[in-house]
PDB file of N, CA and C in Angstrom:
ATOM      1  N   MET A   1     -57.835 102.891 -48.167  1.00  0.00           N
ATOM      2  CA  MET A   1     -58.435 101.839 -47.547  1.00  0.00           C
ATOM      3  C   MET A   1     -58.747 102.668 -46.055  1.00  0.00           C
ATOM      4  N   PRO A   2     -59.814 102.150 -45.277  1.00  0.00           N
ATOM      5  CA  PRO A   2     -59.881 102.436 -44.006  1.00  0.00           C
ATOM      6  C   PRO A   2     -58.984 101.789 -43.064  1.00  0.00           C
ATOM      7  N   LEU A   3     -58.406 102.534 -42.002  1.00  0.00           N
ATOM      8  CA  LEU A   3     -57.508 102.382 -40.721  1.00  0.00           C
ATOM      9  C   LEU A   3     -58.452 101.893 -39.550  1.00  0.00           C
ATOM     10  N   TYR A   4     -57.627 101.137 -38.838  1.00  0.00           N
ATOM     11  CA  TYR A   4     -58.582 100.317 -37.805  1.00  0.00           C
ATOM     12  C   TYR A   4     -57.600 100.380 -36.575  1.00  0.00           C
ATOM     13  N   LEU A   5     -57.827 100.786 -35.389  1.00  0.00           N
ATOM     14  CA  LEU A   5     -56.782 100.549 -34.241  1.00  0.00           C
ATOM     15  C   LEU A   5     -57.592  99.351 -33.235  1.00  0.00           C
ATOM     16  N   SER A   6     -56.850  98.312 -33.279  1.00  0.00           N
ATOM     17  CA  SER A   6     -57.297  97.081 -32.124  1.00  0.00           C
ATOM     18  C   SER A   6     -56.819  97.046 -30.972  1.00  0.00           C
ATOM     19  N   LYS A   7     -57.416  97.121 -29.703  1.00  0.00           N
ATOM     20  CA  LYS A   7     -57.042  96.866 -28.387  1.00  0.00           C
ATOM     21  C   LYS A   7     -57.165  95.409 -28.204  1.00  0.00           C
ATOM     22  N   PHE A   8     -56.187  94.815 -27.476  1.00  0.00           N
ATOM     23  CA  PHE A   8     -56.506  93.448 -27.064  1.00  0.00           C
ATOM     24  C   PHE A   8     -56.040  93.007 -25.505  1.00  0.00           C
ATOM     25  N   SER A   9     -56.562  92.174 -25.153  1.00  0.00           N
ATOM     26  CA  SER A   9     -55.781  91.302 -24.078  1.00  0.00           C
ATOM     27  C   SER A   9     -56.109  89.920 -24.078  1.00  0.00           C
ATOM     28  N   TYR A  10     -55.112  89.265 -23.490  1.00  0.00           N
ATOM     29  CA  TYR A  10     -55.186  87.611 -24.014  1.00  0.00           C
ATOM     30  C   TYR A  10     -55.837  87.027 -22.188  1.00  0.00           C
ATOM     31  N   THR A  11     -56.203  86.083 -22.679  1.00  0.00           N
ATOM     32  CA  THR A  11     -56.788  85.402 -21.110  1.00  0.00           C
ATOM     33  C   THR A  11     -55.342  85.100 -20.498  1.00  0.00           C
ATOM     34  N   PRO A  12     -55.481  84.572 -19.061  1.00  0.00           N
ATOM     35  CA  PRO A  12     -54.652  83.797 -18.475  1.00  0.00           C
ATOM     36  C   PRO A  12     -53.857  82.793 -19.085  1.00  0.00           C
ATOM     37  N   GLU A  13     -54.913  82.081 -19.645  1.00  0.00           N
ATOM     38  CA  GLU A  13     -54.429  80.703 -20.260  1.00  0.00           C
ATOM     39  C   GLU A  13     -53.583  81.021 -21.201  1.00  0.00           C
ATOM     40  N   THR A  14     -53.982  81.965 -22.391  1.00  0.00           N
ATOM     41  CA  THR A  14     -53.184  82.374 -23.321  1.00  0.00           C
ATOM     42  C   THR A  14     -51.561  82.677 -23.419  1.00  0.00           C
ATOM     43  N   TRP A  15     -51.492  83.629 -22.041  1.00  0.00           N
ATOM     44  CA  TRP A  15     -50.228  84.036 -21.479  1.00  0.00           C
ATOM     45  C   TRP A  15     -49.547  82.855 -21.160  1.00  0.00           C
ATOM     46  N   ALA A  16     -50.144  81.907 -20.458  1.00  0.00           N
ATOM     47  CA  ALA A  16     -49.514  80.459 -19.671  1.00  0.00           C
ATOM     48  C   ALA A  16     -49.112  79.813 -21.222  1.00  0.00           C
ATOM     49  N   ARG A  17     -49.718  79.547 -22.169  1.00  0.00           N
ATOM     50  CA  ARG A  17     -49.178  78.651 -23.789  1.00  0.00           C
ATOM     51  C   ARG A  17     -48.093  79.797 -24.040  1.00  0.00           C
ATOM     52  N   MET A  18     -48.481  81.000 -24.282  1.00  0.00           N
ATOM     53  CA  MET A  18     -47.319  82.037 -24.827  1.00  0.00           C
ATOM     54  C   MET A  18     -45.767  81.804 -23.936  1.00  0.00           C
ATOM     55  N   ILE A  19     -45.851  81.963 -22.866  1.00  0.00           N
ATOM     56  CA  ILE A  19     -44.721  81.672 -21.764  1.00  0.00           C
ATOM     57  C   ILE A  19     -44.082  80.286 -22.248  1.00  0.00           C
ATOM     58  N   SER A  20     -44.971  79.263 -22.130  1.00  0.00           N
ATOM     59  CA  SER A  20     -44.602  77.672 -22.747  1.00  0.00           C
ATOM     60  C   SER A  20     -43.606  77.852 -24.252  1.00  0.00           C
ATOM     61  N   ASN A  21     -44.376  78.286 -24.902  1.00  0.00           N
ATOM     62  CA  ASN A  21     -44.020  78.357 -26.057  1.00  0.00           C
ATOM     63  C   ASN A  21     -44.265  79.932 -26.852  1.00  0.00           C
ATOM     64  N   PRO A  22     -43.472  80.433 -26.569  1.00  0.00           N
ATOM     65  CA  PRO A  22     -43.337  82.157 -27.192  1.00  0.00           C
ATOM     66  C   PRO A  22     -43.393  81.913 -28.718  1.00  0.00           C
ATOM     67  N   GLU A  23     -44.257  82.928 -29.095  1.00  0.00           N
ATOM     68  CA  GLU A  23     -44.328  82.884 -30.459  1.00  0.00           C
ATOM     69  C   GLU A  23     -44.711  84.382 -31.053  1.00  0.00           C
ATOM     70  N   ASP A  24     -44.225  84.935 -32.139  1.00  0.00           N
ATOM     71  CA  ASP A  24     -44.355  86.062 -32.794  1.00  0.00           C
ATOM     72  C   ASP A  24     -45.826  86.064 -33.597  1.00  0.00           C
ATOM     73  N   ARG A  25     -46.545  86.788 -32.709  1.00  0.00           N
ATOM     74  CA  ARG A  25     -47.997  86.803 -33.229  1.00  0.00           C
ATOM     75  C   ARG A  25     -48.453  87.974 -34.156  1.00  0.00           C
ATOM     76  N   THR A  26     -47.676  88.479 -34.533  1.00  0.00           N
ATOM     77  CA  THR A  26     -47.246  89.323 -35.890  1.00  0.00           C
ATOM     78  C   THR A  26     -47.684  88.665 -37.379  1.00  0.00           C
ATOM     79  N   LYS A  27     -47.287  87.686 -37.462  1.00  0.00           N
ATOM     80  CA  LYS A  27     -47.092  86.734 -38.415  1.00  0.00           C
ATOM     81  C   LYS A  27     -48.938  86.250 -38.720  1.00  0.00           C
ATOM     82  N   ALA A  28     -49.575  85.653 -37.291  1.00  0.00           N
ATOM     83  CA  ALA A  28     -50.928  85.239 -37.421  1.00  0.00           C
ATOM     84  C   ALA A  28     -51.807  86.668 -38.062  1.00  0.00           C
ATOM     85  N   ALA A  29     -51.237  87.784 -37.241  1.00  0.00           N
ATOM     86  CA  ALA A  29     -52.328  89.161 -37.264  1.00  0.00           C
ATOM     87  C   ALA A  29     -52.350  89.140 -38.784  1.00  0.00           C
ATOM     88  N   ARG A  30     -50.979  89.256 -39.411  1.00  0.00           N
ATOM     89  CA  ARG A  30     -50.589  89.642 -40.864  1.00  0.00           C
ATOM     90  C   ARG A  30     -51.480  88.629 -41.889  1.00  0.00           C
ATOM     91  N   ALA A  31     -51.740  87.335 -41.377  1.00  0.00           N
ATOM     92  CA  ALA A  31     -52.253  86.246 -42.193  1.00  0.00           C
ATOM     93  C   ALA A  31     -53.941  86.793 -42.223  1.00  0.00           C
ATOM     94  N   TYR A  32     -54.492  87.180 -41.074  1.00  0.00           N
ATOM     95  CA  TYR A  32     -55.940  87.361 -40.759  1.00  0.00           C
ATOM     96  C   TYR A  32     -56.326  88.477 -41.836  1.00  0.00           C
ATOM     97  N   ILE A  33     -55.201  89.706 -41.597  1.00  0.00           N
ATOM     98  CA  ILE A  33     -55.968  90.516 -42.244  1.00  0.00           C
ATOM     99  C   ILE A  33     -55.767  90.817 -44.004  1.00  0.00           C
ATOM    100  N   GLU A  34     -54.558  89.753 -44.316  1.00  0.00           N
ATOM    101  CA  GLU A  34     -54.611  89.643 -45.588  1.00  0.00           C
ATOM    102  C   GLU A  34     -55.440  88.732 -46.349  1.00  0.00           C
ATOM    103  N   SER A  35     -56.111  87.982 -45.663  1.00  0.00           N
ATOM    104  CA  SER A  35     -57.009  87.142 -45.912  1.00  0.00           C
ATOM    105  C   SER A  35     -58.117  87.829 -46.353  1.00  0.00           C
ATOM    106  N   VAL A  36     -58.587  88.794 -45.925  1.00  0.00           N
ATOM    107  CA  VAL A  36     -59.735  89.928 -46.699  1.00  0.00           C
ATOM    108  C   VAL A  36     -59.531  90.856 -47.077  1.00  0.00           C
ATOM    109  N   GLY A  37     -58.102  90.896 -47.926  1.00  0.00           N
ATOM    110  CA  GLY A  37     -57.628  91.869 -48.584  1.00  0.00           C
ATOM    111  C   GLY A  37     -57.000  93.065 -47.963  1.00  0.00           C
ATOM    112  N   GLY A  38     -56.795  93.189 -46.692  1.00  0.00           N
ATOM    113  CA  GLY A  38     -56.102  94.367 -46.167  1.00  0.00           C
ATOM    114  C   GLY A  38     -54.673  94.001 -45.738  1.00  0.00           C
ATOM    115  N   LYS A  39     -53.930  95.038 -44.889  1.00  0.00           N
ATOM    116  CA  LYS A  39     -52.583  95.111 -44.383  1.00  0.00           C
ATOM    117  C   LYS A  39     -52.543  95.368 -42.984  1.00  0.00           C
ATOM    118  N   LEU A  40     -51.621  94.623 -42.473  1.00  0.00           N
ATOM    119  CA  LEU A  40     -50.895  95.009 -41.150  1.00  0.00           C
ATOM    120  C   LEU A  40     -49.895  96.034 -41.166  1.00  0.00           C
ATOM    121  N   HIS A  41     -50.176  97.243 -40.318  1.00  0.00           N
ATOM    122  CA  HIS A  41     -49.354  98.359 -40.250  1.00  0.00           C
ATOM    123  C   HIS A  41     -48.526  97.948 -39.100  1.00  0.00           C
ATOM    124  N   GLY A  42     -49.112  97.263 -37.926  1.00  0.00           N
ATOM    125  CA  GLY A  42     -48.367  97.628 -37.176  1.00  0.00           C
ATOM    126  C   GLY A  42     -48.969  96.381 -35.659  1.00  0.00           C
ATOM    127  N   PHE A  43     -47.776  95.952 -35.211  1.00  0.00           N
ATOM    128  CA  PHE A  43     -48.432  95.063 -34.103  1.00  0.00           C
ATOM    129  C   PHE A  43     -47.859  95.442 -32.738  1.00  0.00           C
ATOM    130  N   TRP A  44     -48.198  95.761 -31.411  1.00  0.00           N
ATOM    131  CA  TRP A  44     -47.419  96.121 -30.233  1.00  0.00           C
ATOM    132  C   TRP A  44     -47.729  95.394 -29.019  1.00  0.00           C
ATOM    133  N   TYR A  45     -46.974  95.123 -28.233  1.00  0.00           N
ATOM    134  CA  TYR A  45     -47.451  94.785 -27.026  1.00  0.00           C
ATOM    135  C   TYR A  45     -47.381  95.881 -25.823  1.00  0.00           C
ATOM    136  N   ALA A  46     -48.105  96.016 -24.707  1.00  0.00           N
ATOM    137  CA  ALA A  46     -48.112  96.844 -23.895  1.00  0.00           C
ATOM    138  C   ALA A  46     -48.313  97.069 -22.323  1.00  0.00           C
ATOM    139  N   PHE A  47     -48.133  97.702 -21.585  1.00  0.00           N
ATOM    140  CA  PHE A  47     -48.088  97.831 -20.226  1.00  0.00           C
ATOM    141  C   PHE A  47     -49.865  98.235 -20.112  1.00  0.00           C
ATOM    142  N   GLY A  48     -50.497  98.029 -18.975  1.00  0.00           N
ATOM    143  CA  GLY A  48     -51.631  98.951 -18.885  1.00  0.00           C
ATOM    144  C   GLY A  48     -52.749  98.230 -19.069  1.00  0.00           C
ATOM    145  N   SER A  49     -53.991  98.575 -19.269  1.00  0.00           N
ATOM    146  CA  SER A  49     -54.993  98.242 -19.316  1.00  0.00           C
ATOM    147  C   SER A  49     -55.713  97.145 -20.653  1.00  0.00           C
ATOM    148  N   HIS A  50     -54.585  97.348 -21.461  1.00  0.00           N
ATOM    149  CA  HIS A  50     -54.649  96.229 -22.675  1.00  0.00           C
ATOM    150  C   HIS A  50     -53.368  95.500 -22.962  1.00  0.00           C
ATOM    151  N   ASP A  51     -53.257  94.540 -23.110  1.00  0.00           N
ATOM    152  CA  ASP A  51     -51.977  93.666 -23.717  1.00  0.00           C
ATOM    153  C   ASP A  51     -51.355  94.284 -24.809  1.00  0.00           C
ATOM    154  N   GLY A  52     -52.162  94.444 -25.802  1.00  0.00           N
ATOM    155  CA  GLY A  52     -51.560  94.643 -27.128  1.00  0.00           C
ATOM    156  C   GLY A  52     -52.417  95.837 -28.012  1.00  0.00           C
ATOM    157  N   TYR A  53     -51.957  96.054 -29.314  1.00  0.00           N
ATOM    158  CA  TYR A  53     -52.245  96.891 -29.861  1.00  0.00           C
ATOM    159  C   TYR A  53     -52.254  96.626 -31.300  1.00  0.00           C
ATOM    160  N   ASN A  54     -53.029  96.643 -32.412  1.00  0.00           N
ATOM    161  CA  ASN A  54     -52.818  96.232 -34.109  1.00  0.00           C
ATOM    162  C   ASN A  54     -53.170  97.575 -34.591  1.00  0.00           C
ATOM    163  N   LEU A  55     -52.610  97.690 -35.710  1.00  0.00           N
ATOM    164  CA  LEU A  55     -52.995  98.913 -36.606  1.00  0.00           C
ATOM    165  C   LEU A  55     -53.356  98.303 -37.917  1.00  0.00           C
ATOM    166  N   TRP A  56     -54.582  98.002 -38.286  1.00  0.00           N
ATOM    167  CA  TRP A  56     -54.903  97.290 -39.519  1.00  0.00           C
ATOM    168  C   TRP A  56     -55.425  98.650 -40.432  1.00  0.00           C
ATOM    169  N   GLU A  57     -55.382  98.153 -42.020  1.00  0.00           N
ATOM    170  CA  GLU A  57     -55.889  98.491 -42.958  1.00  0.00           C
ATOM    171  C   GLU A  57     -56.810  97.623 -43.616  1.00  0.00           C
ATOM    172  N   ALA A  58     -58.149  97.656 -43.617  1.00  0.00           N
ATOM    173  CA  ALA A  58     -58.955  96.571 -44.372  1.00  0.00           C
ATOM    174  C   ALA A  58     -60.057  97.242 -45.553  1.00  0.00           C
ATOM    175  N   PRO A  59     -60.474  96.747 -46.463  1.00  0.00           N
ATOM    176  CA  PRO A  59     -61.049  97.327 -47.319  1.00  0.00           C
ATOM    177  C   PRO A  59     -62.272  98.170 -46.960  1.00  0.00           C
ATOM    178  N   ASP A  60     -63.202  97.748 -46.209  1.00  0.00           N
ATOM    179  CA  ASP A  60     -64.188  98.089 -45.665  1.00  0.00           C
ATOM    180  C   ASP A  60     -64.819  97.569 -44.215  1.00  0.00           C
ATOM    181  N   ASN A  61     -65.311  98.137 -43.482  1.00  0.00           N
ATOM    182  CA  ASN A  61     -66.002  97.693 -42.015  1.00  0.00           C
ATOM    183  C   ASN A  61     -66.399  95.950 -42.280  1.00  0.00           C
ATOM    184  N   VAL A  62     -66.969  95.766 -42.770  1.00  0.00           N
ATOM    185  CA  VAL A  62     -67.516  94.441 -43.164  1.00  0.00           C
ATOM    186  C   VAL A  62     -66.238  93.381 -42.972  1.00  0.00           C
ATOM    187  N   SER A  63     -65.306  93.677 -43.778  1.00  0.00           N
ATOM    188  CA  SER A  63     -64.007  93.013 -43.477  1.00  0.00           C
ATOM    189  C   SER A  63     -63.102  93.291 -42.527  1.00  0.00           C
ATOM    190  N   MET A  64     -63.149  94.241 -41.644  1.00  0.00           N
ATOM    191  CA  MET A  64     -62.538  94.219 -40.385  1.00  0.00           C
ATOM    192  C   MET A  64     -63.297  93.652 -39.351  1.00  0.00           C
ATOM    193  N   ALA A  65     -64.541  93.814 -39.666  1.00  0.00           N
ATOM    194  CA  ALA A  65     -65.519  93.142 -38.559  1.00  0.00           C
ATOM    195  C   ALA A  65     -65.433  91.280 -38.953  1.00  0.00           C
ATOM    196  N   ALA A  66     -64.895  91.008 -39.961  1.00  0.00           N
ATOM    197  CA  ALA A  66     -64.676  89.468 -39.913  1.00  0.00           C
ATOM    198  C   ALA A  66     -64.030  89.223 -39.686  1.00  0.00           C
ATOM    199  N   VAL A  67     -62.721  89.969 -39.642  1.00  0.00           N
ATOM    200  CA  VAL A  67     -61.668  89.366 -38.779  1.00  0.00           C
ATOM    201  C   VAL A  67     -61.633  89.817 -37.389  1.00  0.00           C
ATOM    202  N   ALA A  68     -62.125  90.660 -36.833  1.00  0.00           N
ATOM    203  CA  ALA A  68     -62.373  90.709 -35.586  1.00  0.00           C
ATOM    204  C   ALA A  68     -63.473  89.562 -34.693  1.00  0.00           C
ATOM    205  N   LEU A  69     -64.384  89.348 -35.647  1.00  0.00           N
ATOM    206  CA  LEU A  69     -65.088  88.192 -35.405  1.00  0.00           C
ATOM    207  C   LEU A  69     -64.045  86.870 -35.055  1.00  0.00           C
ATOM    208  N   ALA A  70     -63.489  86.547 -36.106  1.00  0.00           N
ATOM    209  CA  ALA A  70     -63.052  85.151 -36.108  1.00  0.00           C
ATOM    210  C   ALA A  70     -61.878  85.361 -34.723  1.00  0.00           C
ATOM    211  N   ILE A  71     -61.181  86.348 -34.972  1.00  0.00           N
ATOM    212  CA  ILE A  71     -60.176  86.408 -33.626  1.00  0.00           C
ATOM    213  C   ILE A  71     -60.944  86.224 -32.409  1.00  0.00           C
ATOM    214  N   THR A  72     -61.829  87.043 -32.077  1.00  0.00           N
ATOM    215  CA  THR A  72     -62.766  86.651 -30.798  1.00  0.00           C
ATOM    216  C   THR A  72     -63.374  85.459 -30.391  1.00  0.00           C
ATOM    217  N   GLY A  73     -63.702  85.031 -31.878  1.00  0.00           N
ATOM    218  CA  GLY A  73     -64.067  83.633 -31.553  1.00  0.00           C
ATOM    219  C   GLY A  73     -63.362  82.587 -31.273  1.00  0.00           C
ATOM    220  N   GLY A  74     -61.985  82.832 -31.318  1.00  0.00           N
ATOM    221  CA  GLY A  74     -60.980  81.869 -31.067  1.00  0.00           C
ATOM    222  C   GLY A  74     -60.794  81.292 -29.757  1.00  0.00           C
ATOM    223  N   GLY A  75     -61.276  82.519 -28.830  1.00  0.00           N
ATOM    224  CA  GLY A  75     -61.214  82.226 -27.007  1.00  0.00           C
ATOM    225  C   GLY A  75     -60.243  82.540 -26.551  1.00  0.00           C
ATOM    226  N   ALA A  76     -59.046  83.201 -27.300  1.00  0.00           N
ATOM    227  CA  ALA A  76     -57.602  83.201 -26.762  1.00  0.00           C
ATOM    228  C   ALA A  76     -57.368  84.343 -25.995  1.00  0.00           C
ATOM    229  N   LEU A  77     -58.371  85.532 -26.210  1.00  0.00           N
ATOM    230  CA  LEU A  77     -58.466  86.802 -25.936  1.00  0.00           C
ATOM    231  C   LEU A  77     -59.705  86.936 -24.630  1.00  0.00           C
ATOM    232  N   SER A  78     -59.514  88.117 -23.518  1.00  0.00           N
ATOM    233  CA  SER A  78     -60.253  88.288 -22.697  1.00  0.00           C
ATOM    234  C   SER A  78     -60.873  89.924 -23.318  1.00  0.00           C
ATOM    235  N   SER A  79     -60.680  90.544 -24.080  1.00  0.00           N
ATOM    236  CA  SER A  79     -61.129  91.335 -24.747  1.00  0.00           C
ATOM    237  C   SER A  79     -60.655  91.898 -26.169  1.00  0.00           C
ATOM    238  N   PHE A  80     -61.385  92.576 -26.651  1.00  0.00           N
ATOM    239  CA  PHE A  80     -60.859  93.074 -28.281  1.00  0.00           C
ATOM    240  C   PHE A  80     -61.693  94.050 -28.726  1.00  0.00           C
ATOM    241  N   GLU A  81     -61.161  95.484 -29.050  1.00  0.00           N
ATOM    242  CA  GLU A  81     -62.148  96.609 -28.912  1.00  0.00           C
ATOM    243  C   GLU A  81     -61.546  96.905 -30.461  1.00  0.00           C
ATOM    244  N   THR A  82     -62.186  97.619 -31.191  1.00  0.00           N
ATOM    245  CA  THR A  82     -61.794  97.962 -32.633  1.00  0.00           C
ATOM    246  C   THR A  82     -62.375  99.385 -32.837  1.00  0.00           C
ATOM    247  N   THR A  83     -61.564 100.144 -33.072  1.00  0.00           N
ATOM    248  CA  THR A  83     -61.745 101.916 -33.458  1.00  0.00           C
ATOM    249  C   THR A  83     -61.648 101.975 -34.966  1.00  0.00           C
ATOM    250  N   VAL A  84     -62.710 102.691 -35.458  1.00  0.00           N
ATOM    251  CA  VAL A  84     -61.942 102.821 -36.885  1.00  0.00           C
ATOM    252  C   VAL A  84     -61.704 104.417 -36.985  1.00  0.00           C
ATOM    253  N   LEU A  85     -60.549 104.696 -37.521  1.00  0.00           N
ATOM    254  CA  LEU A  85     -59.575 105.931 -37.646  1.00  0.00           C
ATOM    255  C   LEU A  85     -60.156 106.557 -38.816  1.00  0.00           C
ATOM    256  N   LEU A  86     -60.007 107.903 -38.550  1.00  0.00           N
ATOM    257  CA  LEU A  86     -60.224 108.929 -39.674  1.00  0.00           C
ATOM    258  C   LEU A  86     -59.188 109.771 -39.940  1.00  0.00           C
ATOM    259  N   SER A  87     -58.962 110.175 -41.258  1.00  0.00           N
ATOM    260  CA  SER A  87     -57.805 110.929 -41.488  1.00  0.00           C
ATOM    261  C   SER A  87     -58.099 112.319 -41.274  1.00  0.00           C
ATOM    262  N   VAL A  88     -56.890 112.953 -41.171  1.00  0.00           N
ATOM    263  CA  VAL A  88     -57.551 114.494 -41.077  1.00  0.00           C
ATOM    264  C   VAL A  88     -58.385 115.418 -42.183  1.00  0.00           C
ATOM    265  N   ASP A  89     -58.123 114.804 -43.383  1.00  0.00           N
ATOM    266  CA  ASP A  89     -58.877 115.261 -44.507  1.00  0.00           C
ATOM    267  C   ASP A  89     -60.384 114.732 -44.229  1.00  0.00           C
ATOM    268  N   GLU A  90     -60.488 113.364 -43.636  1.00  0.00           N
ATOM    269  CA  GLU A  90     -61.887 113.001 -43.682  1.00  0.00           C
ATOM    270  C   GLU A  90     -62.659 113.637 -42.367  1.00  0.00           C
ATOM    271  N   THR A  91     -61.951 114.180 -41.357  1.00  0.00           N
ATOM    272  CA  THR A  91     -62.602 114.610 -39.845  1.00  0.00           C
ATOM    273  C   THR A  91     -62.659 116.107 -40.511  1.00  0.00           C
ATOM    274  N   LEU A  92     -61.758 116.585 -41.510  1.00  0.00           N
ATOM    275  CA  LEU A  92     -62.200 118.140 -41.783  1.00  0.00           C
ATOM    276  C   LEU A  92     -63.484 118.040 -42.804  1.00  0.00           C
ATOM    277  N   ASP A  93     -63.686 117.147 -43.672  1.00  0.00           N
ATOM    278  CA  ASP A  93     -65.010 116.774 -44.758  1.00  0.00           C
ATOM    279  C   ASP A  93     -66.175 116.503 -43.437  1.00  0.00           C
ATOM    280  N   ALA A  94     -66.129 115.741 -42.274  1.00  0.00           N
ATOM    281  CA  ALA A  94     -66.886 115.928 -41.213  1.00  0.00           C
ATOM    282  C   ALA A  94     -67.378 117.158 -40.627  1.00  0.00           C
ATOM    283  N   LEU A  95     -66.119 117.831 -40.543  1.00  0.00           N
ATOM    284  CA  LEU A  95     -66.736 119.217 -39.633  1.00  0.00           C
ATOM    285  C   LEU A  95     -67.463 120.184 -40.731  1.00  0.00           C
ATOM    286  N   ARG A  96     -67.253 120.015 -42.005  1.00  0.00           N
ATOM    287  CA  ARG A  96     -68.062 120.802 -42.821  1.00  0.00           C
ATOM    288  C   ARG A  96     -69.352 120.370 -43.185  1.00  0.00           C
ATOM    289  N   VAL A  97     -69.625 119.326 -43.112  1.00  0.00           N
ATOM    290  CA  VAL A  97     -70.870 118.368 -43.281  1.00  0.00           C
ATOM    291  C   VAL A  97     -71.377 118.739 -42.051  1.00  0.00           C
ATOM    292  N   ALA A  98     -70.907 118.720 -40.820  1.00  0.00           N
ATOM    293  CA  ALA A  98     -71.607 118.832 -39.513  1.00  0.00           C
ATOM    294  C   ALA A  98     -72.227 120.550 -39.373  1.00  0.00           C
ATOM    295  N   SER A  99     -71.687 121.499 -40.196  1.00  0.00           N
ATOM    296  CA  SER A  99     -71.858 122.621 -40.129  1.00  0.00           C
ATOM    297  C   SER A  99     -73.426 122.904 -40.737  1.00  0.00           C
ATOM    298  N   GLN A 100     -73.720 121.831 -41.648  1.00  0.00           N
ATOM    299  CA  GLN A 100     -74.854 122.098 -42.073  1.00  0.00           C
ATOM    300  C   GLN A 100     -76.082 121.356 -41.549  1.00  0.00           C
ATOM    301  N   VAL A 101     -75.595 120.459 -40.188  1.00  0.00           N
ATOM    302  CA  VAL A 101     -76.854 119.907 -39.719  1.00  0.00           C
ATOM    303  C   VAL A 101     -77.323 120.611 -38.564  1.00  0.00           C
ATOM    304  N   SER A 102     -78.339 120.595 -38.325  1.00  0.00           N
ATOM    305  CA  SER A 102     -79.251 121.610 -37.535  1.00  0.00           C
ATOM    306  C   SER A 102     -79.299 120.541 -36.234  1.00  0.00           C
ATOM    307  N   TYR A 103     -78.842 120.773 -35.471  1.00  0.00           N
ATOM    308  CA  TYR A 103     -78.767 120.202 -33.847  1.00  0.00           C
ATOM    309  C   TYR A 103     -79.508 120.808 -32.811  1.00  0.00           C
ATOM    310  N   ARG A 104     -80.495 119.883 -32.312  1.00  0.00           N
ATOM    311  CA  ARG A 104     -80.888 121.070 -31.177  1.00  0.00           C
ATOM    312  C   ARG A 104     -80.608 120.322 -29.935  1.00  0.00           C
ATOM    313  N   PRO A 105     -80.127 120.704 -28.736  1.00  0.00           N
ATOM    314  CA  PRO A 105     -79.562 119.742 -27.600  1.00  0.00           C
ATOM    315  C   PRO A 105     -80.890 119.575 -26.636  1.00  0.00           C
ATOM    316  N   PRO A 106     -80.850 118.272 -26.176  1.00  0.00           N
ATOM    317  CA  PRO A 106     -82.095 118.120 -25.335  1.00  0.00           C
ATOM    318  C   PRO A 106     -82.126 119.442 -24.291  1.00  0.00           C
ATOM    319  N   GLY A 107     -83.815 119.616 -24.322  1.00  0.00           N
ATOM    320  CA  GLY A 107     -84.263 120.623 -23.672  1.00  0.00           C
ATOM    321  C   GLY A 107     -84.215 122.144 -24.074  1.00  0.00           C
ATOM    322  N   ALA A 108     -83.773 122.398 -25.038  1.00  0.00           N
ATOM    323  CA  ALA A 108     -83.451 123.626 -25.706  1.00  0.00           C
ATOM    324  C   ALA A 108     -84.723 123.876 -26.505  1.00  0.00           C
TER     325      ALA A 108
END
């Protein structure tokens, strides 16, 4: 199954609710991805430009998009970005296919 890395940030209101009522959001994240047949591999909070990161596995892009849409539609986040991750083998396959693509740079 494909892997996905999500970066998210909470709204100030969400942080205020979490301060008043601390909650392990790993359980919620796990339930979201499992509802589409996926798996949560990790949930981390961070300092910096994003408040947290998730590593997910989902059956396909549509399933991951459904989870992302449901989460962002909930209004607790100020940002949510998801990146599809490629394995080393997938990248090697892409490199082999890329050698067959006839690309011409603009103006060349």
